[in-house]
């Protein structure tokens, strides 16, 4: 590639306010490839040239030579027959021209499977997935989601909302944390204890499945519910009342004579230290936010 074409590629990219990385993700190549094209050290292949021309809304001739193609208007001969048709009120020719123009200039979604999956919607949304750079999603409003080897990055209104820091920790913007807390509060305000109490009374009064002798375990689901909400929204599994769940399991083993009943059902209590060990090593990824 000559230096004039390389400079032209550079100018078109800057004109469209694209970084080398953003352009690379749109085309499905590496940032280094874009850099080599703009330094005249390498040339894009035909497919990439076509994609560049589409992104910059120019022709291949203009992209390579800097010259706009001369627009030639094909004038139709005005014969007597055509005049007669016009006199009769026939608009077939103009209708055909309008249809041709619509077909010629109508935008459409672009889908490519070159080096991954690349979708550019005519409304401005785009999705690019490849093994080298990961997943890149951009909406027409400018919101971005990037998931790759460098971590997770989410931009909303031009500001980072979720990102991975230098230590590999996923950081969440306070605005999103506040939204999460609002949703958490709604779930915590849900009167689950009322449902548990009604279930306890119905089970006991109906006398089914051991009646009052076993129905009281429904009340143990109350701490399970509220600690589960806290564990999910705080992303800390250790907040879940796992020992209560183990007690329920042990009681059910005993009454239903599962796994040796009361005699051997106690083994489920051995899972408690294992559960909290897993939480300590892998589970708790949440942050303490004020």
Protein backbone atom coordinates (compact mmCIF):
# COMPACT_ATOMS: atom_id res chain seq x y z
CA UNK A 1 0.00 0.00 0.00
CA UNK A 2 1.32 3.46 -0.88
CA UNK A 3 1.70 6.17 1.73
CA UNK A 4 -1.08 8.31 0.22
CA UNK A 5 -3.65 5.55 0.69
CA UNK A 6 -2.35 4.86 4.19
CA UNK A 7 -2.74 8.53 5.11
CA UNK A 8 -6.22 8.51 3.61
CA UNK A 9 -7.21 5.57 5.84
CA UNK A 10 -5.88 7.45 8.84
CA UNK A 11 -7.82 10.61 7.97
CA UNK A 12 -11.08 8.73 7.40
CA UNK A 13 -10.74 7.01 10.78
CA UNK A 14 -10.13 10.29 12.60
CA UNK A 15 -12.96 11.94 10.70
CA UNK A 16 -15.35 9.29 12.06
CA UNK A 17 -13.94 9.64 15.61
CA UNK A 18 -12.86 6.01 15.80
CA UNK A 19 -9.89 4.69 17.70
CA UNK A 20 -7.77 1.95 16.17
CA UNK A 21 -9.20 -0.51 18.69
CA UNK A 22 -12.82 0.47 17.91
CA UNK A 23 -12.24 0.19 14.16
CA UNK A 24 -10.51 -3.15 14.62
CA UNK A 25 -13.49 -4.53 16.55
CA UNK A 26 -15.88 -3.38 13.82
CA UNK A 27 -13.90 -5.13 11.11
CA UNK A 28 -12.80 -8.15 13.10
CA UNK A 29 -9.04 -7.68 12.96
CA UNK A 30 -6.41 -6.78 15.52
CA UNK A 31 -5.48 -3.21 16.43
CA UNK A 32 -1.96 -3.93 15.18
CA UNK A 33 -3.36 -4.64 11.72
CA UNK A 34 -5.05 -1.23 11.62
CA UNK A 35 -1.80 0.39 12.73
CA UNK A 36 0.18 -1.35 9.95
CA UNK A 37 -2.36 -0.26 7.31
CA UNK A 38 -2.09 3.38 8.40
CA UNK A 39 1.73 3.21 8.35
CA UNK A 40 1.76 1.61 4.87
CA UNK A 41 3.44 -1.50 6.29
CA UNK A 42 0.62 -3.79 5.13
CA UNK A 43 -2.48 -3.70 2.96
CA UNK A 44 -6.02 -4.77 3.85
CA UNK A 45 -7.48 -7.54 1.73
CA UNK A 46 -10.48 -7.06 -0.52
CA UNK A 47 -13.04 -8.00 2.13
CA UNK A 48 -11.56 -5.56 4.62
CA UNK A 49 -11.43 -2.80 2.01
CA UNK A 50 -15.13 -3.32 1.35
CA UNK A 51 -15.88 -3.15 5.08
CA UNK A 52 -13.80 0.04 5.42
CA UNK A 53 -15.65 1.65 2.54
CA UNK A 54 -19.00 0.74 4.11
CA UNK A 55 -17.98 2.08 7.53
CA UNK A 56 -16.74 5.36 6.04
CA UNK A 57 -19.69 5.59 3.60
CA UNK A 58 -17.41 6.04 0.58
CA UNK A 59 -16.72 4.09 -2.59
CA UNK A 60 -13.70 1.84 -3.01
CA UNK A 61 -12.39 4.21 -5.67
CA UNK A 62 -12.61 7.16 -3.27
CA UNK A 63 -11.03 5.11 -0.50
CA UNK A 64 -8.06 4.02 -2.64
CA UNK A 65 -7.57 6.95 -5.01
CA UNK A 66 -9.23 9.86 -3.28
CA UNK A 67 -11.49 10.50 -6.25
CA UNK A 68 -15.24 10.48 -6.14
CA UNK A 69 -17.01 8.49 -8.77
CA UNK A 70 -18.79 10.64 -11.30
CA UNK A 71 -22.49 10.24 -10.90
CA UNK A 72 -24.02 9.56 -14.29
CA UNK A 73 -27.71 10.21 -14.66
CA UNK A 74 -29.30 8.00 -17.24
CA UNK A 75 -31.76 10.16 -19.06
CA UNK A 76 -34.57 8.31 -20.69
CA UNK A 77 -35.47 9.22 -24.27
CA UNK A 78 -38.71 11.12 -24.60
CA UNK A 79 -40.50 9.42 -27.42
CA UNK A 80 -43.92 10.17 -28.67
CA UNK A 81 -45.08 6.98 -27.05
CA UNK A 82 -43.74 8.11 -23.69
CA UNK A 83 -45.45 11.46 -24.16
CA UNK A 84 -48.65 9.72 -24.95
CA UNK A 85 -48.37 7.66 -21.82
CA UNK A 86 -47.82 10.81 -19.76
CA UNK A 87 -50.84 12.39 -21.30
CA UNK A 88 -52.85 9.41 -20.29
CA UNK A 89 -51.73 9.98 -16.70
CA UNK A 90 -49.36 7.00 -16.57
CA UNK A 91 -46.60 7.39 -13.90
CA UNK A 92 -44.98 4.00 -14.49
CA UNK A 93 -41.57 5.47 -15.28
CA UNK A 94 -41.43 7.72 -12.22
CA UNK A 95 -42.68 4.90 -10.02
CA UNK A 96 -39.94 2.65 -11.34
CA UNK A 97 -37.33 5.33 -10.68
CA UNK A 98 -38.56 5.77 -7.11
CA UNK A 99 -38.47 2.01 -6.55
CA UNK A 100 -34.94 1.82 -7.95
CA UNK A 101 -33.80 4.63 -5.66
CA UNK A 102 -35.30 2.93 -2.64
CA UNK A 103 -33.53 -0.30 -3.46
CA UNK A 104 -30.29 1.50 -4.22
CA UNK A 105 -30.11 3.58 -1.04
CA UNK A 106 -32.01 1.49 1.48
CA UNK A 107 -29.82 0.61 4.45
CA UNK A 108 -29.68 -2.93 5.78
CA UNK A 109 -28.11 -4.82 8.66
CA UNK A 110 -24.60 -6.08 7.94
CA UNK A 111 -23.59 -9.53 9.12
CA UNK A 112 -20.12 -10.99 8.70
CA UNK A 113 -18.56 -14.23 9.94
CA UNK A 114 -14.99 -13.26 9.07
CA UNK A 115 -12.79 -13.98 12.11
CA UNK A 116 -15.84 -14.30 14.36
CA UNK A 117 -19.37 -12.88 14.33
CA UNK A 118 -19.92 -9.24 13.38
CA UNK A 119 -23.33 -7.57 13.23
CA UNK A 120 -23.86 -3.88 12.40
CA UNK A 121 -27.49 -2.84 12.54
CA UNK A 122 -28.73 -0.02 10.35
CA UNK A 123 -29.97 1.76 13.50
CA UNK A 124 -26.43 2.07 14.89
CA UNK A 125 -26.29 -0.95 17.20
CA UNK A 126 -23.39 -3.35 16.73
CA UNK A 127 -22.17 -6.69 18.10
CA UNK A 128 -18.69 -8.07 17.47
CA UNK A 129 -17.52 -11.45 18.81
CA UNK A 130 -14.16 -13.07 18.13
CA UNK A 131 -11.72 -15.26 19.99
CA UNK A 132 -8.89 -12.70 20.08
CA UNK A 133 -10.66 -9.61 21.35
CA UNK A 134 -13.73 -11.11 23.06
CA UNK A 135 -17.23 -9.63 22.95
CA UNK A 136 -17.96 -6.00 22.08
CA UNK A 137 -21.50 -4.59 22.08
CA UNK A 138 -22.35 -0.96 21.33
CA UNK A 139 -25.78 0.65 21.20
CA UNK A 140 -26.78 3.56 19.02
CA UNK A 141 -26.87 5.71 22.17
CA UNK A 142 -23.16 5.11 22.78
CA UNK A 143 -23.48 2.57 25.59
CA UNK A 144 -20.75 -0.08 25.40
CA UNK A 145 -20.09 -3.53 26.83
CA UNK A 146 -16.65 -5.08 26.34
CA UNK A 147 -15.77 -8.55 27.67
CA UNK A 148 -12.33 -9.87 26.85
CA UNK A 149 -8.96 -10.95 28.19
CA UNK A 150 -8.56 -7.56 29.87
CA UNK A 151 -11.75 -8.05 31.88
CA UNK A 152 -15.24 -6.56 31.84
CA UNK A 153 -15.99 -2.95 30.90
CA UNK A 154 -19.44 -1.39 30.73
CA UNK A 155 -19.99 2.25 29.74
CA UNK A 156 -23.29 4.07 30.12
CA UNK A 157 -23.76 7.73 29.16
CA UNK A 158 -20.03 7.94 28.48
CA UNK A 159 -19.11 6.85 32.01
CA UNK A 160 -17.70 3.56 33.28
CA UNK A 161 -20.34 1.66 35.24
CA UNK A 162 -18.66 -1.75 35.52
CA UNK A 163 -14.98 -2.45 34.98
CA UNK A 164 -12.15 -4.76 35.98
CA UNK A 165 -9.32 -3.14 37.95
CA UNK A 166 -5.61 -3.98 37.76
CA UNK A 167 -6.06 -6.73 40.37
CA UNK A 168 -8.79 -8.48 38.39
CA UNK A 169 -11.60 -7.36 40.70
CA UNK A 170 -14.90 -6.38 39.09
CA UNK A 171 -15.82 -2.85 40.24
CA UNK A 172 -19.38 -1.53 40.07
CA UNK A 173 -20.32 2.14 39.81
CA UNK A 174 -22.21 3.56 42.81
CA UNK A 175 -25.15 4.41 40.57
CA UNK A 176 -25.63 0.75 39.69
CA UNK A 177 -25.03 -0.23 43.30
CA UNK A 178 -27.86 2.06 44.33
CA UNK A 179 -30.16 0.46 41.76
CA UNK A 180 -29.22 -2.96 43.06
CA UNK A 181 -29.87 -1.87 46.64
CA UNK A 182 -33.31 -0.52 45.68
CA UNK A 183 -34.25 -3.86 44.12
CA UNK A 184 -32.84 -5.70 47.15
CA UNK A 185 -34.95 -3.56 49.50
CA UNK A 186 -38.10 -4.44 47.54
CA UNK A 187 -37.39 -8.16 47.90
CA UNK A 188 -36.60 -7.78 51.59
CA UNK A 189 -39.84 -5.89 52.18
CA UNK A 190 -41.82 -8.71 50.59
CA UNK A 191 -43.90 -10.28 53.45
CA UNK A 192 -42.62 -13.81 52.98
CA UNK A 193 -43.13 -14.54 56.67
CA UNK A 194 -46.91 -14.14 56.17
CA UNK A 195 -46.90 -16.80 53.44
CA UNK A 196 -44.80 -19.10 55.65
CA UNK A 197 -47.18 -18.62 58.58
CA UNK A 198 -50.25 -19.37 56.44
CA UNK A 199 -48.54 -22.51 55.06
CA UNK A 200 -47.64 -23.61 58.60
CA UNK A 201 -51.25 -23.25 59.83
CA UNK A 202 -52.78 -24.92 56.76
CA UNK A 203 -50.35 -27.85 56.95
CA UNK A 204 -50.98 -28.38 60.65
CA UNK A 205 -54.75 -28.04 60.48
CA UNK A 206 -55.09 -30.26 57.41
CA UNK A 207 -53.10 -33.02 59.10
CA UNK A 208 -51.43 -34.11 55.86
CA UNK A 209 -47.87 -35.39 55.83
CA UNK A 210 -47.42 -35.72 59.65
CA UNK A 211 -49.48 -32.55 60.32
CA UNK A 212 -48.32 -30.37 63.24
CA UNK A 213 -45.42 -32.73 63.94
CA UNK A 214 -43.62 -31.59 60.79
CA UNK A 215 -45.34 -28.41 59.59
CA UNK A 216 -43.22 -26.21 61.86
CA UNK A 217 -40.21 -26.60 59.53
CA UNK A 218 -42.01 -24.18 57.17
CA UNK A 219 -41.13 -21.44 59.66
CA UNK A 220 -37.45 -22.24 59.09
CA UNK A 221 -37.82 -21.08 55.49
CA UNK A 222 -38.23 -17.49 56.73
CA UNK A 223 -34.53 -16.96 57.52
CA UNK A 224 -33.69 -18.92 54.35
CA UNK A 225 -35.62 -16.44 52.20
CA UNK A 226 -34.20 -13.21 53.65
CA UNK A 227 -30.62 -14.46 53.84
CA UNK A 228 -30.89 -15.72 50.25
CA UNK A 229 -31.95 -12.23 49.08
CA UNK A 230 -29.00 -10.71 50.94
CA UNK A 231 -26.56 -13.29 49.54
CA UNK A 232 -27.71 -12.77 45.95
CA UNK A 233 -27.70 -8.97 45.88
CA UNK A 234 -24.52 -8.59 47.92
CA UNK A 235 -22.87 -11.40 45.94
CA UNK A 236 -21.78 -13.08 49.17
CA UNK A 237 -22.99 -16.72 49.41
CA UNK A 238 -21.70 -16.91 52.99
CA UNK A 239 -24.61 -14.66 54.05
CA UNK A 240 -27.05 -17.44 53.20
CA UNK A 241 -28.30 -19.37 56.25
CA UNK A 242 -26.98 -22.69 54.98
CA UNK A 243 -27.01 -24.39 58.42
CA UNK A 244 -30.79 -23.83 58.59
CA UNK A 245 -31.15 -25.57 55.24
CA UNK A 246 -29.08 -28.46 56.60
CA UNK A 247 -31.39 -28.76 59.64
CA UNK A 248 -34.43 -28.96 57.34
CA UNK A 249 -32.70 -31.64 55.25
CA UNK A 250 -31.82 -33.68 58.36
CA UNK A 251 -35.41 -33.56 59.63
CA UNK A 252 -36.77 -34.65 56.25
CA UNK A 253 -34.25 -37.51 56.10
CA UNK A 254 -35.44 -38.66 59.52
CA UNK A 255 -39.19 -38.49 58.86
CA UNK A 256 -38.97 -39.99 55.37
CA UNK A 257 -36.26 -42.51 56.33
CA UNK A 258 -33.96 -41.33 53.53
CA UNK A 259 -30.22 -42.15 53.61
CA UNK A 260 -30.56 -44.19 56.78
CA UNK A 261 -33.03 -41.85 58.46
CA UNK A 262 -32.09 -40.39 61.83
CA UNK A 263 -29.21 -42.82 62.30
CA UNK A 264 -27.16 -41.74 59.30
CA UNK A 265 -28.80 -38.52 58.15
CA UNK A 266 -26.47 -36.54 60.40
CA UNK A 267 -23.80 -36.69 57.66
CA UNK A 268 -25.44 -33.61 56.04
CA UNK A 269 -24.02 -31.52 58.91
CA UNK A 270 -20.54 -32.29 57.57
CA UNK A 271 -21.37 -30.20 54.51
CA UNK A 272 -21.55 -26.99 56.60
CA UNK A 273 -17.78 -26.40 56.94
CA UNK A 274 -17.33 -27.45 53.31
CA UNK A 275 -19.90 -24.87 52.19
CA UNK A 276 -18.23 -22.00 54.05
CA UNK A 277 -14.81 -23.09 52.83
CA UNK A 278 -16.05 -22.89 49.24
CA UNK A 279 -17.52 -19.45 49.97
CA UNK A 280 -14.21 -18.25 51.38
CA UNK A 281 -12.16 -19.52 48.45
CA UNK A 282 -14.46 -18.99 45.47
CA UNK A 283 -17.80 -17.55 46.44
CA UNK A 284 -17.69 -14.11 48.07
CA UNK A 285 -17.00 -11.60 45.33
CA UNK A 286 -19.12 -8.81 46.65
CA UNK A 287 -17.95 -5.49 48.03
CA UNK A 288 -18.89 -3.58 51.13
CA UNK A 289 -20.49 -0.39 49.87
CA UNK A 290 -21.53 2.45 52.09
